[in-house]
Amino acid sequence: MAIVHYYFSISSQVWWVVLCFTWFLAAFLKWAPESIEALSTYFHVAGWGFPTLFTLGVLVTNQVDGDVFTGICSVGNLRPDALFHFVFLPHVISLGIGIVLFAVGFVSMFRIRKYIYNVKHNGIEQNVRKLEKLMMRLSLFAVCYMIPAIVYAICLFLQTQYADAWLTNWYSIRCNRPDRLSFGFTQNRDQCPIDMDSMKPEKALFFFRYLSQLVIGIMCAFWICSPKTYGSYAQAYARIVHGRSPVRTNVH
């Protein structure tokens, strides 16, 4: 499950970049929908290929371990350097690229809106309302994604900086407990390190780390639940199972 979680986490970050890149192509470079759709194969290769490479790197270097504080298996819990290179850096880089592309596209759309206001013709108000609705929807989605993603990045960074001190504190406390055998410590208590003053892990940090991931996933799931999404899945199901696309028939 740790590998599956890591794979789809990286995939979601790549698809965030793809989304912002298509927005950049449409808003800033004025690409037609057909031209953007022609790149869909490359988008899928990137969206599923890059996570595969990262996941293979994690497996080859054996970076999956258990979190002693939450009991959740993931990447880099006991190795801050692995957490930094395999989790933190990909997340921050993809988030930063996406924010830049989205900001450039948003500024371009704002200029288009201003231009439409200055052009006098019939139906101007309807065109402006459509553009404003599009900008509002995309802005809402971007904000709902970026805020939890930034919180997640902050939590990851703090964990990479203080994980060694937290693990030292955890090891010292558990090794000196009377029931240390239940934690796997077989040596005598006098052989346990005494370092009770090390920094203790912040429970709130782990809470917000996992909460931010859940918020992003739940928000994206609600966002894509639409009749168009349902129709796309129905069409894919019909092609796979029946070998054809669902065709509407008119009853006279």
Foldseek 3Di string as FASTA:
>chain_A
DQLVVQLVVLLVLLVLLVVLVVLLCCQPVVDDPVVSVVCVVVSVCRSRVVSVVLSVVCVVVVQWDAQPVPRDIYGQNQPLVRLCVSPLVSLVVSLVSSVVSNVNSLVSLVVVLVVLVVDDDPPSVVVSVVSVVVSVVVVVLNVLLNVLSVLLSVLSVVCSVQSVLQVLLVQQVLLQDPVNVVVPRDDDSVPGDHDNPGDHDDPVSVVSNVVSVVSNVVVVVVVQPDPVNVQVVQQVVCCVPVVGGDDDDDDD
